[in-house]
Amino acid sequence: MGKNVEEKREALFEKLKDKGVSSERRRYLRRVAEEGASPEVIKRLRTDMKKEMSVQDLADLFGISRQGVYHHIKGDASQLDQGDRADLKELRPFTVPGHQQQCSLYNYITAHMKFALNPDPSSFTATRWRELRNWWATLDESEIIVHDPDQPGNDLAQCGGWRLEGRVPADGDLIVRPHGKPTAQQRKVFTRKVIDQALKRYAE
């Protein structure tokens, strides 16, 4: 374990002690910290100690990043701190003017993000889930969605700002082309695999 990780962990235990967390509970936290992070443990701690431990505290306990904590809880926003919910905005691959957010395409992309982060159809209305599945089915694997604020309205988006382009090797299996270099989390969210797995699993 690196020195910096160890220092952060010890500082965390001092903070928990000052907050009145019992020595028995702190011993338990030391034990699970040594065993390493897992989705089950992190979710349990977020339920049992949400008042005492923030997402950053969990990251310091296990020697991982906040994004690592987020990965373990599979994007369940209910288990994130308010600040971390705001961080989800960083997953959006485009900076889109307000009037171009009115297009159905923008809403479909948002719905796709929500599903990728929490792959549970019950979190959508029946109508919205059907619309999302129908939209997925229209996506051509040889094309990729591109946002260009200067793009005039077209059949894809009457409000403008969107077009389809042929896929190039650098796009990988993404369904959208981010304005900048895609982050690791964006690659997980916007991979074609999310769609293929969902359509196969929830085929009617």
N, C-alpha and C. Protein backbone atom coordinates (compact mmCIF):
# COMPACT_ATOMS: atom_id res chain seq x y z
N MET A 1 0.84 -1.20 0.00
CA MET A 1 0.00 0.00 0.00
C MET A 1 0.88 1.24 0.00
N GLY A 2 0.62 2.19 -0.87
CA GLY A 2 1.42 3.39 -0.97
C GLY A 2 1.28 4.26 0.27
N LYS A 3 2.31 5.08 0.51
CA LYS A 3 2.32 5.94 1.69
C LYS A 3 1.15 6.91 1.67
N ASN A 4 0.87 7.48 0.50
CA ASN A 4 -0.21 8.44 0.41
C ASN A 4 -1.56 7.80 0.74
N VAL A 5 -1.76 6.58 0.25
CA VAL A 5 -3.00 5.85 0.54
C VAL A 5 -3.12 5.59 2.04
N GLU A 6 -2.02 5.17 2.64
CA GLU A 6 -2.03 4.86 4.07
C GLU A 6 -2.31 6.12 4.89
N GLU A 7 -1.71 7.24 4.50
CA GLU A 7 -1.93 8.50 5.22
C GLU A 7 -3.39 8.93 5.14
N LYS A 8 -3.98 8.81 3.96
CA LYS A 8 -5.38 9.19 3.80
C LYS A 8 -6.28 8.29 4.64
N ARG A 9 -5.95 7.02 4.70
CA ARG A 9 -6.76 6.08 5.47
C ARG A 9 -6.69 6.40 6.95
N GLU A 10 -5.48 6.65 7.44
CA GLU A 10 -5.32 6.97 8.86
C GLU A 10 -6.01 8.28 9.21
N ALA A 11 -5.93 9.26 8.30
CA ALA A 11 -6.63 10.53 8.54
C ALA A 11 -8.13 10.31 8.60
N LEU A 12 -8.62 9.39 7.78
CA LEU A 12 -10.04 9.06 7.80
C LEU A 12 -10.44 8.46 9.13
N PHE A 13 -9.63 7.54 9.66
CA PHE A 13 -9.97 6.91 10.93
C PHE A 13 -9.96 7.93 12.07
N GLU A 14 -9.05 8.90 12.00
CA GLU A 14 -9.05 9.95 13.01
C GLU A 14 -10.33 10.77 12.92
N LYS A 15 -10.76 11.06 11.71
CA LYS A 15 -11.99 11.83 11.52
C LYS A 15 -13.20 11.06 12.04
N LEU A 16 -13.24 9.76 11.75
CA LEU A 16 -14.36 8.94 12.22
C LEU A 16 -14.37 8.86 13.74
N LYS A 17 -13.18 8.80 14.33
CA LYS A 17 -13.09 8.79 15.80
C LYS A 17 -13.66 10.07 16.37
N ASP A 18 -13.30 11.21 15.74
CA ASP A 18 -13.81 12.50 16.20
C ASP A 18 -15.33 12.60 16.03
N LYS A 19 -15.86 11.90 15.06
CA LYS A 19 -17.31 11.91 14.84
C LYS A 19 -18.05 10.99 15.80
N GLY A 20 -17.30 10.25 16.60
CA GLY A 20 -17.93 9.38 17.58
C GLY A 20 -18.19 7.96 17.10
N VAL A 21 -17.59 7.58 15.98
CA VAL A 21 -17.74 6.21 15.50
C VAL A 21 -17.00 5.28 16.46
N SER A 22 -17.66 4.23 16.88
CA SER A 22 -17.11 3.34 17.91
C SER A 22 -15.83 2.66 17.46
N SER A 23 -15.03 2.25 18.43
CA SER A 23 -13.78 1.55 18.12
C SER A 23 -14.08 0.22 17.44
N GLU A 24 -15.17 -0.44 17.86
CA GLU A 24 -15.55 -1.70 17.22
C GLU A 24 -15.85 -1.49 15.74
N ARG A 25 -16.56 -0.40 15.44
CA ARG A 25 -16.90 -0.11 14.05
C ARG A 25 -15.65 0.24 13.26
N ARG A 26 -14.73 0.95 13.88
CA ARG A 26 -13.50 1.31 13.18
C ARG A 26 -12.66 0.07 12.90
N ARG A 27 -12.67 -0.89 13.82
CA ARG A 27 -11.93 -2.13 13.58
C ARG A 27 -12.55 -2.88 12.40
N TYR A 28 -13.86 -2.87 12.33
CA TYR A 28 -14.54 -3.51 11.20
C TYR A 28 -14.13 -2.84 9.89
N LEU A 29 -14.07 -1.52 9.88
CA LEU A 29 -13.70 -0.80 8.66
C LEU A 29 -12.26 -1.11 8.26
N ARG A 30 -11.38 -1.26 9.24
CA ARG A 30 -10.00 -1.63 8.92
C ARG A 30 -9.96 -3.00 8.27
N ARG A 31 -10.78 -3.91 8.78
CA ARG A 31 -10.78 -5.27 8.24
C ARG A 31 -11.27 -5.28 6.79
N VAL A 32 -12.39 -4.58 6.52
CA VAL A 32 -12.90 -4.60 5.16
C VAL A 32 -11.98 -3.83 4.22
N ALA A 33 -11.27 -2.82 4.76
CA ALA A 33 -10.33 -2.08 3.93
C ALA A 33 -9.19 -2.98 3.46
N GLU A 34 -8.73 -3.85 4.37
CA GLU A 34 -7.66 -4.78 4.01
C GLU A 34 -8.14 -5.82 3.01
N GLU A 35 -9.41 -6.19 3.12
CA GLU A 35 -9.96 -7.19 2.19
C GLU A 35 -10.17 -6.61 0.81
N GLY A 36 -10.34 -5.28 0.73
CA GLY A 36 -10.50 -4.63 -0.56
C GLY A 36 -11.95 -4.30 -0.89
N ALA A 37 -12.10 -3.37 -1.83
CA ALA A 37 -13.43 -2.90 -2.20
C ALA A 37 -14.20 -3.96 -2.98
N SER A 38 -15.49 -3.99 -2.75
CA SER A 38 -16.40 -4.84 -3.53
C SER A 38 -17.74 -4.13 -3.59
N PRO A 39 -18.54 -4.39 -4.62
CA PRO A 39 -19.85 -3.73 -4.71
C PRO A 39 -20.71 -3.95 -3.46
N GLU A 40 -20.68 -5.18 -2.91
CA GLU A 40 -21.52 -5.50 -1.76
C GLU A 40 -21.11 -4.67 -0.54
N VAL A 41 -19.80 -4.62 -0.28
CA VAL A 41 -19.31 -3.89 0.90
C VAL A 41 -19.57 -2.39 0.76
N ILE A 42 -19.27 -1.84 -0.40
CA ILE A 42 -19.45 -0.40 -0.58
C ILE A 42 -20.92 -0.01 -0.46
N LYS A 43 -21.80 -0.79 -1.08
CA LYS A 43 -23.23 -0.49 -0.96
C LYS A 43 -23.70 -0.60 0.49
N ARG A 44 -23.18 -1.59 1.22
CA ARG A 44 -23.57 -1.75 2.61
C ARG A 44 -23.11 -0.56 3.45
N LEU A 45 -21.90 -0.11 3.20
CA LEU A 45 -21.39 1.04 3.94
C LEU A 45 -22.15 2.31 3.59
N ARG A 46 -22.55 2.44 2.35
CA ARG A 46 -23.32 3.63 1.95
C ARG A 46 -24.69 3.62 2.61
N THR A 47 -25.18 2.45 2.95
CA THR A 47 -26.47 2.36 3.63
C THR A 47 -26.31 2.55 5.14
N ASP A 48 -25.32 1.86 5.71
CA ASP A 48 -25.16 1.84 7.16
C ASP A 48 -24.47 3.09 7.71
N MET A 49 -23.59 3.69 6.89
CA MET A 49 -22.78 4.80 7.40
C MET A 49 -22.84 6.03 6.49
N LYS A 50 -23.97 6.23 5.87
CA LYS A 50 -24.07 7.34 4.92
C LYS A 50 -23.87 8.69 5.61
N LYS A 51 -24.32 8.81 6.87
CA LYS A 51 -24.16 10.07 7.58
C LYS A 51 -22.72 10.31 8.00
N GLU A 52 -22.00 9.23 8.27
CA GLU A 52 -20.62 9.36 8.76
C GLU A 52 -19.58 9.38 7.65
N MET A 53 -19.88 8.74 6.49
CA MET A 53 -18.86 8.59 5.45
C MET A 53 -19.38 9.06 4.10
N SER A 54 -18.63 9.96 3.50
CA SER A 54 -18.95 10.43 2.16
C SER A 54 -18.36 9.48 1.13
N VAL A 55 -18.67 9.73 -0.14
CA VAL A 55 -18.07 8.93 -1.20
C VAL A 55 -16.55 9.09 -1.18
N GLN A 56 -16.06 10.30 -0.93
CA GLN A 56 -14.62 10.51 -0.85
C GLN A 56 -14.01 9.72 0.30
N ASP A 57 -14.73 9.63 1.42
CA ASP A 57 -14.24 8.83 2.55
C ASP A 57 -14.11 7.37 2.15
N LEU A 58 -15.08 6.85 1.42
CA LEU A 58 -15.00 5.46 0.95
C LEU A 58 -13.80 5.28 0.04
N ALA A 59 -13.57 6.27 -0.82
CA ALA A 59 -12.41 6.19 -1.73
C ALA A 59 -11.12 6.14 -0.92
N ASP A 60 -11.03 6.98 0.11
CA ASP A 60 -9.83 7.00 0.95
C ASP A 60 -9.68 5.70 1.74
N LEU A 61 -10.79 5.13 2.17
CA LEU A 61 -10.74 3.88 2.94
C LEU A 61 -10.13 2.75 2.11
N PHE A 62 -10.55 2.66 0.85
CA PHE A 62 -10.11 1.55 0.00
C PHE A 62 -8.94 1.89 -0.91
N GLY A 63 -8.49 3.13 -0.86
CA GLY A 63 -7.36 3.52 -1.70
C GLY A 63 -7.70 3.56 -3.18
N ILE A 64 -8.93 3.99 -3.49
CA ILE A 64 -9.36 4.09 -4.88
C ILE A 64 -9.88 5.50 -5.12
N SER A 65 -10.24 5.79 -6.34
CA SER A 65 -10.77 7.11 -6.68
C SER A 65 -12.28 7.15 -6.41
N ARG A 66 -12.84 8.35 -6.41
CA ARG A 66 -14.29 8.46 -6.30
C ARG A 66 -14.96 7.77 -7.48
N GLN A 67 -14.32 7.87 -8.65
CA GLN A 67 -14.87 7.19 -9.81
C GLN A 67 -14.85 5.67 -9.60
N GLY A 68 -13.84 5.20 -8.87
CA GLY A 68 -13.80 3.78 -8.55
C GLY A 68 -14.96 3.37 -7.66
N VAL A 69 -15.30 4.21 -6.70
CA VAL A 69 -16.47 3.95 -5.86
C VAL A 69 -17.72 3.91 -6.73
N TYR A 70 -17.81 4.88 -7.61
CA TYR A 70 -18.96 4.96 -8.52
C TYR A 70 -19.07 3.70 -9.36
N HIS A 71 -17.93 3.20 -9.83
CA HIS A 71 -17.94 1.96 -10.62
C HIS A 71 -18.51 0.80 -9.81
N HIS A 72 -18.12 0.70 -8.54
CA HIS A 72 -18.58 -0.41 -7.72
C HIS A 72 -20.07 -0.36 -7.45
N ILE A 73 -20.64 0.85 -7.33
CA ILE A 73 -22.08 0.92 -7.06
C ILE A 73 -22.86 1.04 -8.36
N LYS A 74 -22.17 0.88 -9.50
CA LYS A 74 -22.81 0.77 -10.81
C LYS A 74 -23.74 1.94 -11.13
N GLY A 75 -23.28 3.14 -10.76
CA GLY A 75 -24.01 4.32 -11.18
C GLY A 75 -25.32 4.57 -10.46
N ASP A 76 -25.55 3.91 -9.34
CA ASP A 76 -26.78 4.14 -8.59
C ASP A 76 -26.70 5.51 -7.93
N ALA A 77 -27.34 6.52 -8.56
CA ALA A 77 -27.21 7.89 -8.09
C ALA A 77 -27.75 8.07 -6.68
N SER A 78 -28.65 7.21 -6.24
CA SER A 78 -29.20 7.35 -4.90
C SER A 78 -28.14 7.13 -3.83
N GLN A 79 -27.03 6.49 -4.20
CA GLN A 79 -25.98 6.21 -3.23
C GLN A 79 -24.82 7.19 -3.34
N LEU A 80 -24.96 8.20 -4.19
CA LEU A 80 -23.91 9.19 -4.35
C LEU A 80 -24.19 10.43 -3.53
N ASP A 81 -23.14 11.14 -3.13
CA ASP A 81 -23.31 12.44 -2.51
C ASP A 81 -23.84 13.42 -3.53
N GLN A 82 -24.38 14.54 -3.06
CA GLN A 82 -24.93 15.52 -3.97
C GLN A 82 -23.89 16.00 -4.97
N GLY A 83 -22.66 16.21 -4.49
CA GLY A 83 -21.61 16.65 -5.39
C GLY A 83 -21.28 15.64 -6.45
N ASP A 84 -21.38 14.36 -6.11
CA ASP A 84 -21.10 13.32 -7.08
C ASP A 84 -22.21 13.21 -8.12
N ARG A 85 -23.45 13.51 -7.71
CA ARG A 85 -24.52 13.53 -8.70
C ARG A 85 -24.23 14.59 -9.75
N ALA A 86 -23.69 15.73 -9.29
CA ALA A 86 -23.34 16.79 -10.24
C ALA A 86 -22.25 16.33 -11.19
N ASP A 87 -21.34 15.47 -10.68
CA ASP A 87 -20.25 14.97 -11.52
C ASP A 87 -20.77 14.13 -12.68
N LEU A 88 -21.98 13.57 -12.56
CA LEU A 88 -22.53 12.76 -13.64
C LEU A 88 -22.69 13.59 -14.92
N LYS A 89 -22.82 14.90 -14.76
CA LYS A 89 -22.95 15.76 -15.93
C LYS A 89 -21.73 15.66 -16.84
N GLU A 90 -20.60 15.31 -16.22
CA GLU A 90 -19.37 15.19 -17.01
C GLU A 90 -19.43 14.03 -17.99
N LEU A 91 -20.37 13.12 -17.79
CA LEU A 91 -20.50 12.00 -18.71
C LEU A 91 -21.07 12.43 -20.05
N ARG A 92 -21.76 13.56 -20.08
CA ARG A 92 -22.33 14.01 -21.35
C ARG A 92 -21.20 14.26 -22.34
N PRO A 93 -21.31 13.69 -23.54
CA PRO A 93 -20.20 13.79 -24.49
C PRO A 93 -20.18 15.07 -25.30
N PHE A 94 -21.22 15.91 -25.14
CA PHE A 94 -21.30 17.15 -25.90
C PHE A 94 -21.67 18.30 -24.97
N THR A 95 -21.27 19.50 -25.38
CA THR A 95 -21.81 20.72 -24.79
C THR A 95 -22.84 21.25 -25.77
N VAL A 96 -24.11 21.17 -25.39
CA VAL A 96 -25.21 21.40 -26.33
C VAL A 96 -25.99 22.65 -25.97
N PRO A 97 -26.16 23.59 -26.90
CA PRO A 97 -26.99 24.77 -26.64
C PRO A 97 -28.40 24.36 -26.25
N GLY A 98 -29.05 25.21 -25.46
CA GLY A 98 -30.36 24.88 -24.93
C GLY A 98 -31.38 24.52 -25.99
N HIS A 99 -31.42 25.28 -27.11
CA HIS A 99 -32.45 25.00 -28.11
C HIS A 99 -32.22 23.67 -28.81
N GLN A 100 -30.96 23.18 -28.82
CA GLN A 100 -30.70 21.89 -29.45
C GLN A 100 -30.90 20.73 -28.48
N GLN A 101 -31.17 21.06 -27.22
CA GLN A 101 -31.53 20.03 -26.26
C GLN A 101 -33.01 19.67 -26.36
N GLN A 102 -33.75 20.40 -27.19
CA GLN A 102 -35.18 20.14 -27.34
C GLN A 102 -35.44 18.98 -28.30
N CYS A 103 -34.43 18.60 -29.07
CA CYS A 103 -34.60 17.53 -30.05
C CYS A 103 -34.78 16.18 -29.34
N SER A 104 -35.55 15.32 -29.97
CA SER A 104 -35.75 13.98 -29.41
C SER A 104 -34.43 13.24 -29.27
N LEU A 105 -33.51 13.48 -30.19
CA LEU A 105 -32.24 12.76 -30.16
C LEU A 105 -31.50 13.02 -28.86
N TYR A 106 -31.48 14.27 -28.42
CA TYR A 106 -30.81 14.61 -27.16
C TYR A 106 -31.45 13.85 -26.00
N ASN A 107 -32.76 13.76 -26.01
CA ASN A 107 -33.47 13.05 -24.95
C ASN A 107 -33.20 11.55 -25.00
N TYR A 108 -33.07 11.00 -26.21
CA TYR A 108 -32.74 9.58 -26.33
C TYR A 108 -31.34 9.31 -25.78
N ILE A 109 -30.40 10.21 -26.07
CA ILE A 109 -29.04 10.04 -25.56
C ILE A 109 -29.04 10.09 -24.04
N THR A 110 -29.83 11.00 -23.48
CA THR A 110 -29.94 11.10 -22.02
C THR A 110 -30.53 9.82 -21.44
N ALA A 111 -31.57 9.30 -22.08
CA ALA A 111 -32.19 8.05 -21.61
C ALA A 111 -31.20 6.89 -21.69
N HIS A 112 -30.41 6.87 -22.76
CA HIS A 112 -29.39 5.83 -22.90
C HIS A 112 -28.40 5.90 -21.74
N MET A 113 -27.96 7.12 -21.40
CA MET A 113 -27.03 7.29 -20.28
C MET A 113 -27.62 6.74 -18.99
N LYS A 114 -28.88 7.09 -18.74
CA LYS A 114 -29.53 6.64 -17.51
C LYS A 114 -29.60 5.12 -17.45
N PHE A 115 -29.90 4.50 -18.59
CA PHE A 115 -29.97 3.04 -18.59
C PHE A 115 -28.59 2.42 -18.40
N ALA A 116 -27.59 2.98 -19.06
CA ALA A 116 -26.24 2.43 -18.95
C ALA A 116 -25.75 2.49 -17.50
N LEU A 117 -26.13 3.53 -16.79
CA LEU A 117 -25.71 3.69 -15.40
C LEU A 117 -26.54 2.87 -14.43
N ASN A 118 -27.79 2.62 -14.82
CA ASN A 118 -28.68 1.82 -13.97
C ASN A 118 -29.54 0.96 -14.88
N PRO A 119 -29.01 -0.19 -15.34
CA PRO A 119 -29.69 -1.01 -16.36
C PRO A 119 -30.92 -1.74 -15.85
N ASP A 120 -31.94 -0.97 -15.53
CA ASP A 120 -33.18 -1.52 -15.01
C ASP A 120 -34.35 -0.87 -15.75
N PRO A 121 -35.02 -1.59 -16.64
CA PRO A 121 -36.13 -1.00 -17.39
C PRO A 121 -37.24 -0.45 -16.51
N SER A 122 -37.38 -0.96 -15.28
CA SER A 122 -38.44 -0.49 -14.41
C SER A 122 -38.24 0.96 -13.96
N SER A 123 -37.03 1.50 -14.20
CA SER A 123 -36.79 2.90 -13.85
C SER A 123 -37.36 3.84 -14.90
N PHE A 124 -37.88 3.28 -16.00
CA PHE A 124 -38.52 4.06 -17.06
C PHE A 124 -40.02 3.76 -17.07
N THR A 125 -40.79 4.71 -17.60
CA THR A 125 -42.18 4.39 -17.87
C THR A 125 -42.21 3.39 -19.02
N ALA A 126 -43.32 2.67 -19.14
CA ALA A 126 -43.43 1.69 -20.23
C ALA A 126 -43.26 2.35 -21.59
N THR A 127 -43.84 3.53 -21.74
CA THR A 127 -43.74 4.24 -23.02
C THR A 127 -42.31 4.67 -23.30
N ARG A 128 -41.66 5.21 -22.27
CA ARG A 128 -40.28 5.68 -22.47
C ARG A 128 -39.35 4.52 -22.76
N TRP A 129 -39.54 3.38 -22.11
CA TRP A 129 -38.70 2.21 -22.35
C TRP A 129 -38.90 1.69 -23.77
N ARG A 130 -40.15 1.68 -24.23
CA ARG A 130 -40.42 1.24 -25.60
C ARG A 130 -39.77 2.20 -26.61
N GLU A 131 -39.85 3.50 -26.35
CA GLU A 131 -39.24 4.48 -27.26
C GLU A 131 -37.73 4.32 -27.30
N LEU A 132 -37.12 4.08 -26.15
CA LEU A 132 -35.67 3.90 -26.12
C LEU A 132 -35.26 2.67 -26.89
N ARG A 133 -35.97 1.57 -26.71
CA ARG A 133 -35.64 0.34 -27.44
C ARG A 133 -35.83 0.53 -28.94
N ASN A 134 -36.88 1.23 -29.31
CA ASN A 134 -37.10 1.50 -30.74
C ASN A 134 -35.99 2.37 -31.31
N TRP A 135 -35.54 3.34 -30.54
CA TRP A 135 -34.44 4.20 -31.01
C TRP A 135 -33.15 3.40 -31.16
N TRP A 136 -32.86 2.56 -30.17
CA TRP A 136 -31.68 1.71 -30.28
C TRP A 136 -31.71 0.90 -31.57
N ALA A 137 -32.88 0.37 -31.91
CA ALA A 137 -33.01 -0.49 -33.08
C ALA A 137 -32.75 0.26 -34.38
N THR A 138 -32.88 1.59 -34.36
CA THR A 138 -32.66 2.37 -35.59
C THR A 138 -31.19 2.69 -35.82
N LEU A 139 -30.35 2.49 -34.82
CA LEU A 139 -28.95 2.90 -34.93
C LEU A 139 -28.18 1.94 -35.83
N ASP A 140 -27.56 2.52 -36.84
CA ASP A 140 -26.76 1.74 -37.79
C ASP A 140 -25.34 1.59 -37.22
N GLU A 141 -24.87 0.36 -37.15
CA GLU A 141 -23.54 0.12 -36.57
C GLU A 141 -22.42 0.76 -37.37
N SER A 142 -22.67 1.11 -38.63
CA SER A 142 -21.63 1.72 -39.46
C SER A 142 -21.58 3.24 -39.31
N GLU A 143 -22.50 3.81 -38.52
CA GLU A 143 -22.56 5.26 -38.36
C GLU A 143 -22.41 5.65 -36.89
N ILE A 144 -22.10 6.92 -36.67
CA ILE A 144 -21.93 7.43 -35.32
C ILE A 144 -22.60 8.80 -35.23
N ILE A 145 -23.14 9.11 -34.06
CA ILE A 145 -23.83 10.38 -33.84
C ILE A 145 -22.80 11.47 -33.55
N VAL A 146 -22.94 12.59 -34.23
CA VAL A 146 -22.01 13.71 -34.07
C VAL A 146 -22.82 14.96 -33.73
N HIS A 147 -22.35 15.72 -32.75
CA HIS A 147 -22.98 17.01 -32.46
C HIS A 147 -22.13 18.14 -33.03
N ASP A 148 -22.77 19.01 -33.79
CA ASP A 148 -22.13 20.19 -34.36
C ASP A 148 -23.14 21.33 -34.21
N PRO A 149 -22.87 22.31 -33.34
CA PRO A 149 -23.85 23.38 -33.10
C PRO A 149 -24.23 24.16 -34.35
N ASP A 150 -23.39 24.10 -35.40
CA ASP A 150 -23.67 24.83 -36.64
C ASP A 150 -24.42 23.98 -37.66
N GLN A 151 -24.70 22.73 -37.31
CA GLN A 151 -25.40 21.84 -38.24
C GLN A 151 -26.86 22.29 -38.40
N PRO A 152 -27.30 22.57 -39.64
CA PRO A 152 -28.71 22.93 -39.84
C PRO A 152 -29.63 21.76 -39.51
N GLY A 153 -30.90 22.06 -39.34
CA GLY A 153 -31.87 21.02 -39.08
C GLY A 153 -31.93 20.01 -40.21
N ASN A 154 -32.20 18.77 -39.88
CA ASN A 154 -32.26 17.70 -40.88
C ASN A 154 -33.23 16.63 -40.40
N ASP A 155 -33.28 15.53 -41.12
CA ASP A 155 -34.21 14.46 -40.74
C ASP A 155 -33.88 13.86 -39.38
N LEU A 156 -32.60 13.92 -39.00
CA LEU A 156 -32.20 13.36 -37.70
C LEU A 156 -32.66 14.25 -36.56
N ALA A 157 -32.55 15.56 -36.76
CA ALA A 157 -32.89 16.52 -35.71
C ALA A 157 -33.33 17.83 -36.35
N GLN A 158 -34.61 18.10 -36.29
CA GLN A 158 -35.13 19.30 -36.93
C GLN A 158 -34.63 20.58 -36.25
N CYS A 159 -34.26 20.48 -34.99
CA CYS A 159 -33.76 21.65 -34.28
C CYS A 159 -32.31 21.96 -34.63
N GLY A 160 -31.68 21.10 -35.42
CA GLY A 160 -30.29 21.33 -35.81
C GLY A 160 -29.32 20.85 -34.75
N GLY A 161 -28.06 20.84 -35.15
CA GLY A 161 -27.00 20.49 -34.21
C GLY A 161 -26.53 19.05 -34.25
N TRP A 162 -27.21 18.21 -35.02
CA TRP A 162 -26.89 16.78 -34.99
C TRP A 162 -26.82 16.21 -36.40
N ARG A 163 -25.94 15.27 -36.59
CA ARG A 163 -25.85 14.55 -37.86
C ARG A 163 -25.21 13.19 -37.62
N LEU A 164 -25.32 12.32 -38.61
CA LEU A 164 -24.66 11.02 -38.60
C LEU A 164 -23.47 11.06 -39.53
N GLU A 165 -22.39 10.43 -39.12
CA GLU A 165 -21.20 10.31 -39.96
C GLU A 165 -20.78 8.85 -39.99
N GLY A 166 -20.03 8.49 -41.01
CA GLY A 166 -19.50 7.14 -41.08
C GLY A 166 -18.50 6.89 -39.96
N ARG A 167 -18.55 5.71 -39.43
CA ARG A 167 -17.65 5.34 -38.34
C ARG A 167 -16.22 5.23 -38.84
N VAL A 168 -15.26 5.71 -38.03
CA VAL A 168 -13.84 5.57 -38.33
C VAL A 168 -13.21 4.74 -37.21
N PRO A 169 -12.02 4.16 -37.46
CA PRO A 169 -11.42 3.29 -36.44
C PRO A 169 -11.30 3.93 -35.06
N ALA A 170 -11.01 5.23 -35.01
CA ALA A 170 -10.83 5.89 -33.72
C ALA A 170 -12.11 5.91 -32.89
N ASP A 171 -13.26 5.74 -33.54
CA ASP A 171 -14.54 5.75 -32.82
C ASP A 171 -14.76 4.48 -32.00
N GLY A 172 -14.05 3.42 -32.35
CA GLY A 172 -14.27 2.16 -31.65
C GLY A 172 -15.71 1.73 -31.80
N ASP A 173 -16.34 1.31 -30.68
CA ASP A 173 -17.74 0.87 -30.75
C ASP A 173 -18.68 1.88 -30.09
N LEU A 174 -18.23 3.13 -29.97
CA LEU A 174 -19.08 4.17 -29.39
C LEU A 174 -20.25 4.48 -30.32
N ILE A 175 -21.38 4.89 -29.71
CA ILE A 175 -22.51 5.30 -30.53
C ILE A 175 -22.52 6.80 -30.77
N VAL A 176 -21.70 7.54 -30.00
CA VAL A 176 -21.57 8.99 -30.18
C VAL A 176 -20.09 9.33 -30.27
N ARG A 177 -19.79 10.47 -30.88
CA ARG A 177 -18.41 10.94 -30.96
C ARG A 177 -18.29 12.17 -30.06
N PRO A 178 -17.67 12.03 -28.89
CA PRO A 178 -17.54 13.16 -27.97
C PRO A 178 -16.77 14.32 -28.60
N HIS A 179 -17.01 15.52 -28.07
CA HIS A 179 -16.30 16.70 -28.57
C HIS A 179 -14.80 16.58 -28.35
N GLY A 180 -14.41 15.97 -27.25
CA GLY A 180 -12.99 15.76 -26.96
C GLY A 180 -12.69 14.28 -26.87
N LYS A 181 -11.51 13.97 -26.36
CA LYS A 181 -11.14 12.57 -26.18
C LYS A 181 -12.07 11.95 -25.15
N PRO A 182 -12.73 10.83 -25.47
CA PRO A 182 -13.66 10.23 -24.52
C PRO A 182 -12.95 9.71 -23.28
N THR A 183 -13.59 9.90 -22.14
CA THR A 183 -13.05 9.37 -20.89
C THR A 183 -13.34 7.87 -20.82
N ALA A 184 -12.69 7.22 -19.88
CA ALA A 184 -12.91 5.78 -19.70
C ALA A 184 -14.37 5.51 -19.36
N GLN A 185 -14.98 6.37 -18.53
CA GLN A 185 -16.37 6.16 -18.15
C GLN A 185 -17.31 6.41 -19.32
N GLN A 186 -17.00 7.40 -20.16
CA GLN A 186 -17.82 7.64 -21.35
C GLN A 186 -17.76 6.43 -22.28
N ARG A 187 -16.60 5.82 -22.38
CA ARG A 187 -16.48 4.63 -23.24
C ARG A 187 -17.34 3.48 -22.72
N LYS A 188 -17.46 3.38 -21.40
CA LYS A 188 -18.30 2.32 -20.82
C LYS A 188 -19.78 2.61 -21.04
N VAL A 189 -20.15 3.88 -20.94
CA VAL A 189 -21.56 4.26 -21.04
C VAL A 189 -22.04 4.22 -22.49
N PHE A 190 -21.22 4.68 -23.41
CA PHE A 190 -21.66 4.84 -24.80
C PHE A 190 -21.21 3.73 -25.73
N THR A 191 -20.74 2.63 -25.16
CA THR A 191 -20.37 1.50 -25.99
C THR A 191 -21.61 0.85 -26.60
N ARG A 192 -21.45 0.33 -27.79
CA ARG A 192 -22.53 -0.38 -28.46
C ARG A 192 -22.96 -1.61 -27.66
N LYS A 193 -22.06 -2.13 -26.85
CA LYS A 193 -22.36 -3.34 -26.08
C LYS A 193 -23.55 -3.12 -25.15
N VAL A 194 -23.71 -1.91 -24.61
CA VAL A 194 -24.85 -1.62 -23.74
C VAL A 194 -26.15 -1.91 -24.47
N ILE A 195 -26.22 -1.48 -25.73
CA ILE A 195 -27.43 -1.65 -26.53
C ILE A 195 -27.63 -3.12 -26.89
N ASP A 196 -26.58 -3.75 -27.39
CA ASP A 196 -26.71 -5.15 -27.82
C ASP A 196 -27.15 -6.05 -26.67
N GLN A 197 -26.56 -5.83 -25.50
CA GLN A 197 -26.92 -6.65 -24.34
C GLN A 197 -28.35 -6.40 -23.88
N ALA A 198 -28.76 -5.12 -23.92
CA ALA A 198 -30.12 -4.79 -23.49
C ALA A 198 -31.16 -5.35 -24.44
N LEU A 199 -30.92 -5.21 -25.75
CA LEU A 199 -31.89 -5.71 -26.71
C LEU A 199 -31.99 -7.24 -26.65
N LYS A 200 -30.87 -7.89 -26.36
CA LYS A 200 -30.90 -9.35 -26.25
C LYS A 200 -31.59 -9.80 -24.96
N ARG A 201 -31.27 -9.11 -23.87
CA ARG A 201 -31.81 -9.51 -22.57
C ARG A 201 -33.29 -9.21 -22.44
N TYR A 202 -33.71 -8.09 -23.01
CA TYR A 202 -35.10 -7.67 -22.84
C TYR A 202 -35.90 -7.76 -24.14
N ALA A 203 -35.52 -8.70 -24.97
CA ALA A 203 -36.27 -8.91 -26.21
C ALA A 203 -37.68 -9.32 -25.90
N GLU A 204 -38.62 -8.74 -26.63
CA GLU A 204 -40.04 -9.07 -26.40
C GLU A 204 -40.47 -10.19 -27.32
